[in-house]
C-alpha atoms as a PDB file:
ATOM      1  CA  MET A   1     -75.776 -46.862 237.430  1.00  0.00           C
ATOM      2  CA  VAL A   2     -76.589 -49.154 240.312  1.00  0.00           C
ATOM      3  CA  THR A   3     -76.241 -52.892 239.699  1.00  0.00           C
ATOM      4  CA  GLY A   4     -79.560 -54.285 238.530  1.00  0.00           C
ATOM      5  CA  GLU A   5     -80.877 -50.835 237.581  1.00  0.00           C
ATOM      6  CA  LYS A   6     -82.582 -50.673 234.170  1.00  0.00           C
ATOM      7  CA  MET A   7     -81.083 -48.372 231.540  1.00  0.00           C
ATOM      8  CA  ALA A   8     -83.256 -45.661 230.031  1.00  0.00           C
ATOM      9  CA  ASP A   9     -85.358 -46.648 227.018  1.00  0.00           C
ATOM     10  CA  ASN A  10     -83.793 -43.825 224.986  1.00  0.00           C
ATOM     11  CA  PRO A  11     -80.203 -43.512 226.219  1.00  0.00           C
ATOM     12  CA  ILE A  12     -78.227 -40.425 225.236  1.00  0.00           C
ATOM     13  CA  ASN A  13     -75.774 -40.985 222.388  1.00  0.00           C
ATOM     14  CA  LEU A  14     -72.626 -39.031 223.271  1.00  0.00           C
ATOM     15  CA  HIS A  15     -71.496 -39.229 219.632  1.00  0.00           C
ATOM     16  CA  ASP A  16     -74.272 -36.730 218.822  1.00  0.00           C
ATOM     17  CA  TYR A  17     -72.657 -33.930 220.863  1.00  0.00           C
ATOM     18  CA  SER A  18     -69.872 -32.073 219.040  1.00  0.00           C
ATOM     19  CA  SER A  19     -68.577 -30.639 222.315  1.00  0.00           C
ATOM     20  CA  LEU A  20     -67.807 -34.183 223.516  1.00  0.00           C
ATOM     21  CA  GLN A  21     -65.904 -35.387 220.441  1.00  0.00           C
ATOM     22  CA  GLU A  22     -62.569 -34.406 221.991  1.00  0.00           C
ATOM     23  CA  ILE A  23     -62.097 -33.444 225.617  1.00  0.00           C
ATOM     24  CA  TYR A  24     -58.617 -32.180 226.438  1.00  0.00           C
ATOM     25  CA  VAL A  25     -57.742 -33.282 229.960  1.00  0.00           C
ATOM     26  CA  GLN A  26     -54.109 -32.262 230.516  1.00  0.00           C
ATOM     27  CA  ASP A  27     -50.580 -32.835 229.240  1.00  0.00           C
ATOM     28  CA  GLY A  28     -51.689 -34.181 225.863  1.00  0.00           C
ATOM     29  CA  VAL A  29     -54.345 -36.542 227.268  1.00  0.00           C
ATOM     30  CA  VAL A  30     -57.515 -36.436 225.174  1.00  0.00           C
ATOM     31  CA  LEU A  31     -60.782 -38.296 225.813  1.00  0.00           C
ATOM     32  CA  ARG A  32     -63.041 -39.170 222.892  1.00  0.00           C
ATOM     33  CA  PRO A  33     -65.953 -41.528 222.236  1.00  0.00           C
ATOM     34  CA  MET A  34     -64.934 -45.063 221.307  1.00  0.00           C
ATOM     35  CA  GLU A  35     -65.083 -46.011 217.631  1.00  0.00           C
ATOM     36  CA  ASN A  36     -65.384 -49.403 215.923  1.00  0.00           C
ATOM     37  CA  LYS A  37     -61.672 -49.316 215.054  1.00  0.00           C
ATOM     38  CA  ASP A  38     -60.882 -49.254 218.801  1.00  0.00           C
ATOM     39  CA  ALA A  39     -62.371 -52.705 219.422  1.00  0.00           C
ATOM     40  CA  LYS A  40     -59.443 -54.947 218.445  1.00  0.00           C
ATOM     41  CA  PRO A  41     -56.731 -53.016 220.333  1.00  0.00           C
ATOM     42  CA  ILE A  42     -58.951 -52.855 223.422  1.00  0.00           C
ATOM     43  CA  LEU A  43     -59.681 -56.584 223.282  1.00  0.00           C
ATOM     44  CA  ASP A  44     -55.937 -57.261 222.914  1.00  0.00           C
ATOM     45  CA  ILE A  45     -55.242 -55.194 226.037  1.00  0.00           C
ATOM     46  CA  LEU A  46     -57.994 -56.978 227.982  1.00  0.00           C
ATOM     47  CA  GLN A  47     -56.612 -60.352 226.935  1.00  0.00           C
ATOM     48  CA  ALA A  48     -53.106 -59.356 228.050  1.00  0.00           C
ATOM     49  CA  ASP A  49     -54.348 -58.136 231.460  1.00  0.00           C
ATOM     50  CA  SER A  50     -57.497 -59.967 232.543  1.00  0.00           C
ATOM     51  CA  SER A  51     -57.570 -58.133 235.887  1.00  0.00           C
ATOM     52  CA  ILE A  52     -58.976 -55.063 234.077  1.00  0.00           C
ATOM     53  CA  ARG A  53     -62.299 -56.885 233.559  1.00  0.00           C
ATOM     54  CA  LYS A  54     -62.622 -57.315 237.329  1.00  0.00           C
ATOM     55  CA  ARG A  55     -62.262 -53.580 238.000  1.00  0.00           C
ATOM     56  CA  VAL A  56     -63.928 -51.909 234.985  1.00  0.00           C
ATOM     57  CA  THR A  57     -67.619 -52.611 234.385  1.00  0.00           C
ATOM     58  CA  VAL A  58     -67.588 -51.667 230.696  1.00  0.00           C
ATOM     59  CA  ALA A  59     -64.518 -53.839 230.079  1.00  0.00           C
ATOM     60  CA  SER A  60     -66.195 -56.811 231.728  1.00  0.00           C
ATOM     61  CA  ARG A  61     -68.903 -56.665 229.042  1.00  0.00           C
ATOM     62  CA  LEU A  62     -66.545 -56.514 226.029  1.00  0.00           C
ATOM     63  CA  LYS A  63     -66.080 -60.018 224.656  1.00  0.00           C
ATOM     64  CA  THR A  64     -66.119 -59.528 220.859  1.00  0.00           C
ATOM     65  CA  GLU A  65     -65.506 -56.688 218.410  1.00  0.00           C
ATOM     66  CA  GLN A  66     -69.293 -56.374 217.970  1.00  0.00           C
ATOM     67  CA  ASP A  67     -69.776 -55.589 221.685  1.00  0.00           C
END
């Protein structure tokens, strides 16, 4: 997405696609959609290393567990 570009009115929810629930990358690395239980550990990591917010757009928007 380009900065300033409006998101779609009906964005796709990746949680609705069973094929995207676990994506095996390599050597035991697995990607999955974020869950509510992930919020606190992620916020702890972002607090420990504030430089992540400068480089990762999604991280820059996470301020509270509700985000």
